[in-house]
């Protein structure tokens, strides 16, 4: 698909474009990438392998700017990703995408934006800002999940806590790395090393950098919050363990003197006092010890 630059992104046929040769956005897949790049006047000697893209990064070459995008799917952050190349020279932009993600982004730009692509700088701004437009909403959802988890911990509802928290923290770590990559990519676009972009339009890339920076800061804040929730959970577990140990200590303290008394009077020597009377003194002494321990524990607020 070819879209002619202008206030509105207007799709044109290959024949129409070849007639006018106006600056345009080309959206293609990896099978037709070489043909489309040649049509757009872009020389790229490396092999195009969309499936092997693992990072968002930018590479400045002599004849073009080459970018790769590896975008987490909002409903499956730890799973599959949208992967694509984009190429920019002085006139055209070429996007290589084996899925329909880029086409869907452009349709959303056409529906939502008044100024869709007067220039390639404006188009790239709309394109990148569109695929991160829903991320703030997603981070708010993460925050609500953490708030619910914190409330569950405060109410001692800690069942399956670790199985809920660990994937959430991994997702946030992935998102933080992703926003860091986007921020580096937009910074390099703003630096305009090859001079392919007009200086008066570099502000668009600065805006994208600020937005990615805010998203990364928000994600870092959520990671810190997740750590606080984990520490609250651990404190709850430690309190329970301390309570159990305290209970066992009380039981041990009560039964230790009883065990000692039993050991003394259980030897059954012939001349042991009270041997023939059933050890009434031992029974009384044991009761006194138990009552005394309970009174002491009550006063010390151990029981």
C-alpha atoms as a PDB file:
ATOM      1  CA  UNK A   1       0.000   0.000   0.000  1.00  0.00           C
ATOM      2  CA  UNK A   2       1.211   3.518  -0.847  1.00  0.00           C
ATOM      3  CA  UNK A   3       0.034   6.660   0.965  1.00  0.00           C
ATOM      4  CA  UNK A   4       0.822  10.080  -0.474  1.00  0.00           C
ATOM      5  CA  UNK A   5       2.045  12.666   2.030  1.00  0.00           C
ATOM      6  CA  UNK A   6      -0.325  15.537   2.736  1.00  0.00           C
ATOM      7  CA  UNK A   7      -2.639  16.873   5.390  1.00  0.00           C
ATOM      8  CA  UNK A   8      -4.577  13.647   4.812  1.00  0.00           C
ATOM      9  CA  UNK A   9      -2.852  10.328   4.103  1.00  0.00           C
ATOM     10  CA  UNK A  10      -4.317   9.487   0.729  1.00  0.00           C
ATOM     11  CA  UNK A  11      -3.801   5.948  -0.631  1.00  0.00           C
ATOM     12  CA  UNK A  12      -2.617   5.856  -4.231  1.00  0.00           C
ATOM     13  CA  UNK A  13      -1.989   3.068  -6.706  1.00  0.00           C
ATOM     14  CA  UNK A  14       1.481   2.175  -7.904  1.00  0.00           C
ATOM     15  CA  UNK A  15       0.679   3.586 -11.340  1.00  0.00           C
ATOM     16  CA  UNK A  16      -0.488   6.905  -9.873  1.00  0.00           C
ATOM     17  CA  UNK A  17       2.638   7.176  -7.734  1.00  0.00           C
ATOM     18  CA  UNK A  18       4.941   6.325 -10.623  1.00  0.00           C
ATOM     19  CA  UNK A  19       3.255   9.068 -12.647  1.00  0.00           C
ATOM     20  CA  UNK A  20       3.601  11.780  -9.963  1.00  0.00           C
ATOM     21  CA  UNK A  21       6.693  10.493  -8.065  1.00  0.00           C
ATOM     22  CA  UNK A  22       5.584  12.428  -4.972  1.00  0.00           C
ATOM     23  CA  UNK A  23       6.965  11.674  -1.458  1.00  0.00           C
ATOM     24  CA  UNK A  24       4.985   8.819   0.063  1.00  0.00           C
ATOM     25  CA  UNK A  25       4.720   6.121   2.722  1.00  0.00           C
ATOM     26  CA  UNK A  26       5.118   2.566   1.431  1.00  0.00           C
ATOM     27  CA  UNK A  27       3.747  -0.288   3.548  1.00  0.00           C
ATOM     28  CA  UNK A  28       4.883  -3.737   2.444  1.00  0.00           C
ATOM     29  CA  UNK A  29       5.914  -7.161   3.749  1.00  0.00           C
ATOM     30  CA  UNK A  30       9.304  -8.836   3.822  1.00  0.00           C
ATOM     31  CA  UNK A  31       8.653 -10.754   0.564  1.00  0.00           C
ATOM     32  CA  UNK A  32       8.253  -7.519  -1.423  1.00  0.00           C
ATOM     33  CA  UNK A  33      10.618  -5.406   0.693  1.00  0.00           C
ATOM     34  CA  UNK A  34      13.536  -5.293  -1.759  1.00  0.00           C
ATOM     35  CA  UNK A  35      11.266  -4.326  -4.644  1.00  0.00           C
ATOM     36  CA  UNK A  36       9.548  -1.607  -2.587  1.00  0.00           C
ATOM     37  CA  UNK A  37      12.838  -0.200  -1.262  1.00  0.00           C
ATOM     38  CA  UNK A  38      14.188   0.078  -4.794  1.00  0.00           C
ATOM     39  CA  UNK A  39      11.002   1.844  -5.861  1.00  0.00           C
ATOM     40  CA  UNK A  40      11.381   4.328  -2.984  1.00  0.00           C
ATOM     41  CA  UNK A  41      15.044   4.959  -3.855  1.00  0.00           C
ATOM     42  CA  UNK A  42      16.438   3.299  -0.701  1.00  0.00           C
ATOM     43  CA  UNK A  43      19.498   1.061  -0.781  1.00  0.00           C
ATOM     44  CA  UNK A  44      19.740  -1.477   2.052  1.00  0.00           C
ATOM     45  CA  UNK A  45      22.333  -4.204   1.630  1.00  0.00           C
ATOM     46  CA  UNK A  46      21.571  -6.295   4.717  1.00  0.00           C
ATOM     47  CA  UNK A  47      19.023  -9.088   4.745  1.00  0.00           C
ATOM     48  CA  UNK A  48      15.546  -8.175   5.975  1.00  0.00           C
ATOM     49  CA  UNK A  49      14.400 -10.678   8.611  1.00  0.00           C
ATOM     50  CA  UNK A  50      11.342  -9.361  10.409  1.00  0.00           C
ATOM     51  CA  UNK A  51      10.959 -12.441  12.612  1.00  0.00           C
ATOM     52  CA  UNK A  52      14.431 -11.938  14.127  1.00  0.00           C
ATOM     53  CA  UNK A  53      13.849  -8.358  15.313  1.00  0.00           C
ATOM     54  CA  UNK A  54      14.392  -8.282  19.071  1.00  0.00           C
ATOM     55  CA  UNK A  55      14.823  -4.608  19.946  1.00  0.00           C
ATOM     56  CA  UNK A  56      13.682  -1.103  19.075  1.00  0.00           C
ATOM     57  CA  UNK A  57      16.729   0.642  17.671  1.00  0.00           C
ATOM     58  CA  UNK A  58      17.863   3.053  14.971  1.00  0.00           C
ATOM     59  CA  UNK A  59      20.776   2.779  12.553  1.00  0.00           C
ATOM     60  CA  UNK A  60      22.010   5.728  10.488  1.00  0.00           C
ATOM     61  CA  UNK A  61      23.347   4.721   7.086  1.00  0.00           C
ATOM     62  CA  UNK A  62      24.704   6.876   4.326  1.00  0.00           C
ATOM     63  CA  UNK A  63      21.594   6.708   2.137  1.00  0.00           C
ATOM     64  CA  UNK A  64      18.859   6.123   4.704  1.00  0.00           C
ATOM     65  CA  UNK A  65      17.822   5.755   8.318  1.00  0.00           C
ATOM     66  CA  UNK A  66      16.895   2.192   9.304  1.00  0.00           C
ATOM     67  CA  UNK A  67      14.782   1.502  12.358  1.00  0.00           C
ATOM     68  CA  UNK A  68      13.473  -1.700  13.912  1.00  0.00           C
ATOM     69  CA  UNK A  69      10.449  -1.882  16.185  1.00  0.00           C
ATOM     70  CA  UNK A  70       9.640  -4.700  18.591  1.00  0.00           C
ATOM     71  CA  UNK A  71       6.370  -3.743  20.281  1.00  0.00           C
ATOM     72  CA  UNK A  72       4.807  -5.795  23.113  1.00  0.00           C
ATOM     73  CA  UNK A  73       1.189  -6.750  22.619  1.00  0.00           C
ATOM     74  CA  UNK A  74      -0.827  -5.084  25.371  1.00  0.00           C
ATOM     75  CA  UNK A  75      -2.753  -8.263  26.232  1.00  0.00           C
ATOM     76  CA  UNK A  76       0.352 -10.479  26.148  1.00  0.00           C
ATOM     77  CA  UNK A  77       3.342  -8.442  27.289  1.00  0.00           C
ATOM     78  CA  UNK A  78       5.510 -11.494  27.987  1.00  0.00           C
ATOM     79  CA  UNK A  79       4.476 -13.263  24.794  1.00  0.00           C
ATOM     80  CA  UNK A  80       4.609 -12.422  21.105  1.00  0.00           C
ATOM     81  CA  UNK A  81       5.363  -8.945  19.750  1.00  0.00           C
ATOM     82  CA  UNK A  82       4.722  -6.827  16.700  1.00  0.00           C
ATOM     83  CA  UNK A  83       7.938  -6.625  14.666  1.00  0.00           C
ATOM     84  CA  UNK A  84       8.686  -4.325  11.758  1.00  0.00           C
ATOM     85  CA  UNK A  85      11.329  -2.283   9.933  1.00  0.00           C
ATOM     86  CA  UNK A  86      11.038   1.310   8.847  1.00  0.00           C
ATOM     87  CA  UNK A  87      13.301   3.061   6.349  1.00  0.00           C
ATOM     88  CA  UNK A  88      13.552   6.807   5.772  1.00  0.00           C
ATOM     89  CA  UNK A  89      15.416   8.748   3.110  1.00  0.00           C
ATOM     90  CA  UNK A  90      15.075  12.361   2.019  1.00  0.00           C
ATOM     91  CA  UNK A  91      11.729  11.764   0.324  1.00  0.00           C
ATOM     92  CA  UNK A  92      10.016   8.538   1.350  1.00  0.00           C
ATOM     93  CA  UNK A  93       9.225   6.248   4.255  1.00  0.00           C
ATOM     94  CA  UNK A  94       9.030   2.466   3.835  1.00  0.00           C
ATOM     95  CA  UNK A  95       7.506   0.231   6.504  1.00  0.00           C
ATOM     96  CA  UNK A  96       8.108  -3.528   6.319  1.00  0.00           C
ATOM     97  CA  UNK A  97       5.518  -5.406   8.362  1.00  0.00           C
ATOM     98  CA  UNK A  98       4.505  -9.052   7.895  1.00  0.00           C
ATOM     99  CA  UNK A  99       1.292  -8.504   9.868  1.00  0.00           C
ATOM    100  CA  UNK A 100      -1.447  -5.924   9.421  1.00  0.00           C
ATOM    101  CA  UNK A 101      -0.404  -3.910  12.489  1.00  0.00           C
ATOM    102  CA  UNK A 102       0.985  -0.958  10.532  1.00  0.00           C
ATOM    103  CA  UNK A 103      -2.087  -0.812   8.313  1.00  0.00           C
ATOM    104  CA  UNK A 104      -4.291  -0.738  11.399  1.00  0.00           C
ATOM    105  CA  UNK A 105      -2.181   2.066  12.881  1.00  0.00           C
ATOM    106  CA  UNK A 106      -2.501   4.114   9.711  1.00  0.00           C
ATOM    107  CA  UNK A 107      -6.274   3.589   9.669  1.00  0.00           C
ATOM    108  CA  UNK A 108      -6.430   4.817  13.258  1.00  0.00           C
ATOM    109  CA  UNK A 109      -4.331   7.851  12.307  1.00  0.00           C
ATOM    110  CA  UNK A 110      -6.725   8.563   9.432  1.00  0.00           C
ATOM    111  CA  UNK A 111      -9.710   8.343  11.781  1.00  0.00           C
ATOM    112  CA  UNK A 112      -8.294  10.351  14.683  1.00  0.00           C
ATOM    113  CA  UNK A 113      -5.804  12.897  13.340  1.00  0.00           C
ATOM    114  CA  UNK A 114      -6.522  16.095  11.475  1.00  0.00           C
ATOM    115  CA  UNK A 115      -2.884  16.507  10.397  1.00  0.00           C
ATOM    116  CA  UNK A 116      -2.000  12.978   9.347  1.00  0.00           C
ATOM    117  CA  UNK A 117       1.200  13.340   7.368  1.00  0.00           C
ATOM    118  CA  UNK A 118       2.031  16.656   5.751  1.00  0.00           C
ATOM    119  CA  UNK A 119       5.686  15.640   6.075  1.00  0.00           C
ATOM    120  CA  UNK A 120       7.554  12.461   6.891  1.00  0.00           C
ATOM    121  CA  UNK A 121       8.417  13.910  10.314  1.00  0.00           C
ATOM    122  CA  UNK A 122       4.737  14.427  11.087  1.00  0.00           C
ATOM    123  CA  UNK A 123       3.889  10.941   9.835  1.00  0.00           C
ATOM    124  CA  UNK A 124       6.578   9.278  11.971  1.00  0.00           C
ATOM    125  CA  UNK A 125       5.356  11.279  14.962  1.00  0.00           C
ATOM    126  CA  UNK A 126       1.779  10.082  14.405  1.00  0.00           C
ATOM    127  CA  UNK A 127       2.899   6.507  13.717  1.00  0.00           C
ATOM    128  CA  UNK A 128       5.049   6.121  16.852  1.00  0.00           C
ATOM    129  CA  UNK A 129       2.695   8.045  19.124  1.00  0.00           C
ATOM    130  CA  UNK A 130      -0.221   5.891  17.967  1.00  0.00           C
ATOM    131  CA  UNK A 131       1.285   2.568  19.036  1.00  0.00           C
ATOM    132  CA  UNK A 132       2.115   3.953  22.485  1.00  0.00           C
ATOM    133  CA  UNK A 133      -1.163   5.871  22.835  1.00  0.00           C
ATOM    134  CA  UNK A 134      -2.856   3.179  24.944  1.00  0.00           C
ATOM    135  CA  UNK A 135       0.112   2.416  27.164  1.00  0.00           C
ATOM    136  CA  UNK A 136      -0.782   4.920  29.879  1.00  0.00           C
ATOM    137  CA  UNK A 137      -4.192   3.291  30.233  1.00  0.00           C
ATOM    138  CA  UNK A 138      -2.468  -0.069  30.536  1.00  0.00           C
ATOM    139  CA  UNK A 139      -0.122   1.222  33.263  1.00  0.00           C
ATOM    140  CA  UNK A 140      -3.127   2.574  35.188  1.00  0.00           C
ATOM    141  CA  UNK A 141      -4.597  -0.955  35.037  1.00  0.00           C
ATOM    142  CA  UNK A 142      -1.339  -2.326  36.489  1.00  0.00           C
ATOM    143  CA  UNK A 143      -1.544   0.225  39.293  1.00  0.00           C
ATOM    144  CA  UNK A 144      -5.103  -0.864  40.122  1.00  0.00           C
ATOM    145  CA  UNK A 145      -4.005  -4.498  40.242  1.00  0.00           C
ATOM    146  CA  UNK A 146      -1.235  -3.603  42.680  1.00  0.00           C
ATOM    147  CA  UNK A 147      -3.695  -1.614  44.814  1.00  0.00           C
ATOM    148  CA  UNK A 148      -5.998  -4.641  45.014  1.00  0.00           C
ATOM    149  CA  UNK A 149      -3.070  -6.880  45.917  1.00  0.00           C
ATOM    150  CA  UNK A 150      -1.986  -4.475  48.660  1.00  0.00           C
ATOM    151  CA  UNK A 151      -5.535  -4.427  50.032  1.00  0.00           C
ATOM    152  CA  UNK A 152      -5.615  -8.242  50.005  1.00  0.00           C
ATOM    153  CA  UNK A 153      -2.351  -8.337  51.940  1.00  0.00           C
ATOM    154  CA  UNK A 154      -3.700  -5.884  54.541  1.00  0.00           C
ATOM    155  CA  UNK A 155      -6.742  -8.147  54.982  1.00  0.00           C
ATOM    156  CA  UNK A 156      -4.491 -11.231  55.175  1.00  0.00           C
ATOM    157  CA  UNK A 157      -5.860 -12.656  51.914  1.00  0.00           C
ATOM    158  CA  UNK A 158      -2.472 -13.869  50.701  1.00  0.00           C
ATOM    159  CA  UNK A 159      -3.455 -17.021  48.803  1.00  0.00           C
ATOM    160  CA  UNK A 160      -1.549 -17.318  45.476  1.00  0.00           C
ATOM    161  CA  UNK A 161       0.093 -13.944  46.104  1.00  0.00           C
ATOM    162  CA  UNK A 162       3.466 -14.909  44.658  1.00  0.00           C
ATOM    163  CA  UNK A 163       1.941 -16.456  41.536  1.00  0.00           C
ATOM    164  CA  UNK A 164       0.122 -13.155  40.900  1.00  0.00           C
ATOM    165  CA  UNK A 165       2.981 -10.786  41.692  1.00  0.00           C
ATOM    166  CA  UNK A 166       5.887 -12.439  39.880  1.00  0.00           C
ATOM    167  CA  UNK A 167       4.387 -12.315  36.341  1.00  0.00           C
ATOM    168  CA  UNK A 168       3.268  -8.732  36.964  1.00  0.00           C
ATOM    169  CA  UNK A 169       6.800  -7.655  37.925  1.00  0.00           C
ATOM    170  CA  UNK A 170       8.233  -9.423  34.858  1.00  0.00           C
ATOM    171  CA  UNK A 171       5.756  -7.614  32.616  1.00  0.00           C
ATOM    172  CA  UNK A 172       6.683  -4.267  34.144  1.00  0.00           C
ATOM    173  CA  UNK A 173      10.394  -4.997  33.698  1.00  0.00           C
ATOM    174  CA  UNK A 174       9.787  -5.820  30.017  1.00  0.00           C
ATOM    175  CA  UNK A 175       7.800  -2.624  29.554  1.00  0.00           C
ATOM    176  CA  UNK A 176      10.489  -0.511  31.217  1.00  0.00           C
ATOM    177  CA  UNK A 177      13.122  -1.910  28.842  1.00  0.00           C
ATOM    178  CA  UNK A 178      10.788  -1.302  25.901  1.00  0.00           C
ATOM    179  CA  UNK A 179      10.173   2.353  26.826  1.00  0.00           C
ATOM    180  CA  UNK A 180      13.909   2.849  27.303  1.00  0.00           C
ATOM    181  CA  UNK A 181      14.493   1.545  23.764  1.00  0.00           C
ATOM    182  CA  UNK A 182      11.766   3.810  22.347  1.00  0.00           C
ATOM    183  CA  UNK A 183      13.304   6.788  24.136  1.00  0.00           C
ATOM    184  CA  UNK A 184      16.746   6.034  22.665  1.00  0.00           C
ATOM    185  CA  UNK A 185      15.242   5.583  19.191  1.00  0.00           C
ATOM    186  CA  UNK A 186      13.376   8.903  19.246  1.00  0.00           C
ATOM    187  CA  UNK A 187      16.440  10.687  20.628  1.00  0.00           C
ATOM    188  CA  UNK A 188      18.464   9.437  17.659  1.00  0.00           C
ATOM    189  CA  UNK A 189      15.727  10.611  15.299  1.00  0.00           C
ATOM    190  CA  UNK A 190      15.882  14.017  16.969  1.00  0.00           C
ATOM    191  CA  UNK A 191      19.666  14.157  16.578  1.00  0.00           C
ATOM    192  CA  UNK A 192      19.090  13.966  12.791  1.00  0.00           C
ATOM    193  CA  UNK A 193      22.617  12.742  12.059  1.00  0.00           C
ATOM    194  CA  UNK A 194      22.081  12.376   8.294  1.00  0.00           C
ATOM    195  CA  UNK A 195      20.100  15.594   7.950  1.00  0.00           C
ATOM    196  CA  UNK A 196      17.085  13.823   6.427  1.00  0.00           C
ATOM    197  CA  UNK A 197      14.636  15.753   8.612  1.00  0.00           C
ATOM    198  CA  UNK A 198      13.853  19.468   8.644  1.00  0.00           C
ATOM    199  CA  UNK A 199      15.153  21.178  11.781  1.00  0.00           C
ATOM    200  CA  UNK A 200      11.861  22.946  12.433  1.00  0.00           C
ATOM    201  CA  UNK A 201      10.125  19.548  12.622  1.00  0.00           C
ATOM    202  CA  UNK A 202      12.560  17.870  15.030  1.00  0.00           C
ATOM    203  CA  UNK A 203      10.302  19.025  17.876  1.00  0.00           C
ATOM    204  CA  UNK A 204       7.996  16.110  17.028  1.00  0.00           C
ATOM    205  CA  UNK A 205      10.700  13.607  17.982  1.00  0.00           C
ATOM    206  CA  UNK A 206      11.468  15.564  21.165  1.00  0.00           C
ATOM    207  CA  UNK A 207       7.801  15.226  22.128  1.00  0.00           C
ATOM    208  CA  UNK A 208       7.971  11.472  21.566  1.00  0.00           C
ATOM    209  CA  UNK A 209      11.118  11.249  23.703  1.00  0.00           C
ATOM    210  CA  UNK A 210       9.381  13.084  26.555  1.00  0.00           C
ATOM    211  CA  UNK A 211       6.360  10.810  26.279  1.00  0.00           C
ATOM    212  CA  UNK A 212       8.473   7.643  26.347  1.00  0.00           C
ATOM    213  CA  UNK A 213      10.411   9.063  29.305  1.00  0.00           C
ATOM    214  CA  UNK A 214       7.173   9.646  31.238  1.00  0.00           C
ATOM    215  CA  UNK A 215       5.986   6.124  30.487  1.00  0.00           C
ATOM    216  CA  UNK A 216       9.313   4.675  31.622  1.00  0.00           C
ATOM    217  CA  UNK A 217       9.197   6.744  34.832  1.00  0.00           C
ATOM    218  CA  UNK A 218       5.648   5.565  35.500  1.00  0.00           C
ATOM    219  CA  UNK A 219       6.726   1.960  34.958  1.00  0.00           C
ATOM    220  CA  UNK A 220       9.702   2.384  37.306  1.00  0.00           C
ATOM    221  CA  UNK A 221       7.345   3.813  39.927  1.00  0.00           C
ATOM    222  CA  UNK A 222       5.063   0.771  39.551  1.00  0.00           C
ATOM    223  CA  UNK A 223       8.056  -1.554  39.967  1.00  0.00           C
ATOM    224  CA  UNK A 224       8.941   0.229  43.212  1.00  0.00           C
ATOM    225  CA  UNK A 225       5.318  -0.034  44.323  1.00  0.00           C
ATOM    226  CA  UNK A 226       5.316  -3.765  43.493  1.00  0.00           C
ATOM    227  CA  UNK A 227       8.415  -4.148  45.656  1.00  0.00           C
ATOM    228  CA  UNK A 228       6.654  -2.352  48.528  1.00  0.00           C
ATOM    229  CA  UNK A 229       3.644  -4.658  48.171  1.00  0.00           C
ATOM    230  CA  UNK A 230       5.975  -7.660  48.212  1.00  0.00           C
ATOM    231  CA  UNK A 231       7.660  -6.348  51.364  1.00  0.00           C
ATOM    232  CA  UNK A 232       4.229  -5.870  52.994  1.00  0.00           C
ATOM    233  CA  UNK A 233       3.379  -9.471  52.093  1.00  0.00           C
ATOM    234  CA  UNK A 234       6.700 -10.684  53.499  1.00  0.00           C
ATOM    235  CA  UNK A 235       6.074  -8.711  56.698  1.00  0.00           C
ATOM    236  CA  UNK A 236       2.674 -10.398  56.970  1.00  0.00           C
ATOM    237  CA  UNK A 237       4.285 -13.817  56.555  1.00  0.00           C
ATOM    238  CA  UNK A 238       7.001 -12.972  59.100  1.00  0.00           C
ATOM    239  CA  UNK A 239       4.345 -11.810  61.581  1.00  0.00           C
ATOM    240  CA  UNK A 240       2.507 -15.111  61.195  1.00  0.00           C
ATOM    241  CA  UNK A 241       5.733 -17.063  61.680  1.00  0.00           C
ATOM    242  CA  UNK A 242       6.592 -14.998  64.756  1.00  0.00           C
ATOM    243  CA  UNK A 243       3.118 -15.647  66.144  1.00  0.00           C
ATOM    244  CA  UNK A 244       3.532 -19.383  65.598  1.00  0.00           C
ATOM    245  CA  UNK A 245       6.970 -19.356  67.182  1.00  0.00           C
ATOM    246  CA  UNK A 246       5.622 -17.388  70.128  1.00  0.00           C
ATOM    247  CA  UNK A 247       2.848 -19.929  70.619  1.00  0.00           C
ATOM    248  CA  UNK A 248       5.345 -22.808  70.485  1.00  0.00           C
ATOM    249  CA  UNK A 249       7.591 -20.964  72.945  1.00  0.00           C
ATOM    250  CA  UNK A 250       4.693 -20.576  75.392  1.00  0.00           C
ATOM    251  CA  UNK A 251       3.816 -24.259  75.109  1.00  0.00           C
ATOM    252  CA  UNK A 252       7.468 -25.252  75.555  1.00  0.00           C
ATOM    253  CA  UNK A 253       7.857 -22.941  78.571  1.00  0.00           C
ATOM    254  CA  UNK A 254       4.778 -24.426  80.264  1.00  0.00           C
ATOM    255  CA  UNK A 255       5.728 -28.037  79.655  1.00  0.00           C
ATOM    256  CA  UNK A 256       9.437 -27.738  80.406  1.00  0.00           C
ATOM    257  CA  UNK A 257       9.005 -27.548  84.216  1.00  0.00           C
ATOM    258  CA  UNK A 258       6.351 -30.257  84.021  1.00  0.00           C
ATOM    259  CA  UNK A 259       8.781 -32.462  82.143  1.00  0.00           C
ATOM    260  CA  UNK A 260      11.434 -31.750  84.768  1.00  0.00           C
ATOM    261  CA  UNK A 261       9.055 -32.646  87.603  1.00  0.00           C
ATOM    262  CA  UNK A 262       7.988 -35.795  85.762  1.00  0.00           C
ATOM    263  CA  UNK A 263      11.621 -36.741  85.318  1.00  0.00           C
ATOM    264  CA  UNK A 264      12.334 -36.357  89.029  1.00  0.00           C
ATOM    265  CA  UNK A 265       9.346 -38.217  90.272  1.00  0.00           C
ATOM    266  CA  UNK A 266       9.243 -40.758  87.505  1.00  0.00           C
ATOM    267  CA  UNK A 267      12.387 -42.530  88.658  1.00  0.00           C
ATOM    268  CA  UNK A 268      10.290 -44.524  91.233  1.00  0.00           C
ATOM    269  CA  UNK A 269      12.975 -44.966  93.867  1.00  0.00           C
ATOM    270  CA  UNK A 270      11.859 -47.053  96.783  1.00  0.00           C
ATOM    271  CA  UNK A 271      12.210 -44.185  99.267  1.00  0.00           C
ATOM    272  CA  UNK A 272      10.644 -41.523  96.954  1.00  0.00           C
ATOM    273  CA  UNK A 273       8.230 -39.362  99.057  1.00  0.00           C
ATOM    274  CA  UNK A 274       4.581 -39.830  98.082  1.00  0.00           C
ATOM    275  CA  UNK A 275       5.296 -42.978  96.092  1.00  0.00           C
ATOM    276  CA  UNK A 276       2.534 -44.913  97.778  1.00  0.00           C
ATOM    277  CA  UNK A 277       0.011 -42.019  97.836  1.00  0.00           C
ATOM    278  CA  UNK A 278      -0.092 -41.352  94.113  1.00  0.00           C
ATOM    279  CA  UNK A 279       2.091 -38.195  94.229  1.00  0.00           C
ATOM    280  CA  UNK A 280      -0.605 -35.677  95.246  1.00  0.00           C
ATOM    281  CA  UNK A 281       2.144 -33.101  95.788  1.00  0.00           C
ATOM    282  CA  UNK A 282       3.332 -33.539  92.204  1.00  0.00           C
ATOM    283  CA  UNK A 283      -0.195 -32.946  90.876  1.00  0.00           C
ATOM    284  CA  UNK A 284      -0.586 -29.792  92.982  1.00  0.00           C
ATOM    285  CA  UNK A 285       2.900 -28.548  91.999  1.00  0.00           C
ATOM    286  CA  UNK A 286       2.140 -29.113  88.315  1.00  0.00           C
ATOM    287  CA  UNK A 287      -1.117 -27.173  88.535  1.00  0.00           C
ATOM    288  CA  UNK A 288       0.658 -24.336  90.363  1.00  0.00           C
ATOM    289  CA  UNK A 289       3.357 -24.226  87.668  1.00  0.00           C
ATOM    290  CA  UNK A 290       0.786 -24.088  84.851  1.00  0.00           C
ATOM    291  CA  UNK A 291      -1.262 -21.367  86.553  1.00  0.00           C
ATOM    292  CA  UNK A 292       1.888 -19.399  87.376  1.00  0.00           C
ATOM    293  CA  UNK A 293       3.110 -19.557  83.759  1.00  0.00           C
ATOM    294  CA  UNK A 294      -0.271 -18.414  82.447  1.00  0.00           C
ATOM    295  CA  UNK A 295      -0.352 -15.460  84.877  1.00  0.00           C
ATOM    296  CA  UNK A 296       3.167 -14.404  83.899  1.00  0.00           C
ATOM    297  CA  UNK A 297       2.415 -14.660  80.170  1.00  0.00           C
ATOM    298  CA  UNK A 298      -0.759 -12.648  80.635  1.00  0.00           C
ATOM    299  CA  UNK A 299       1.105  -9.873  82.415  1.00  0.00           C
ATOM    300  CA  UNK A 300       3.783  -9.799  79.715  1.00  0.00           C
ATOM    301  CA  UNK A 301       1.055  -9.718  77.015  1.00  0.00           C
ATOM    302  CA  UNK A 302       2.447 -12.874  75.498  1.00  0.00           C
ATOM    303  CA  UNK A 303      -0.952 -14.554  75.660  1.00  0.00           C
END
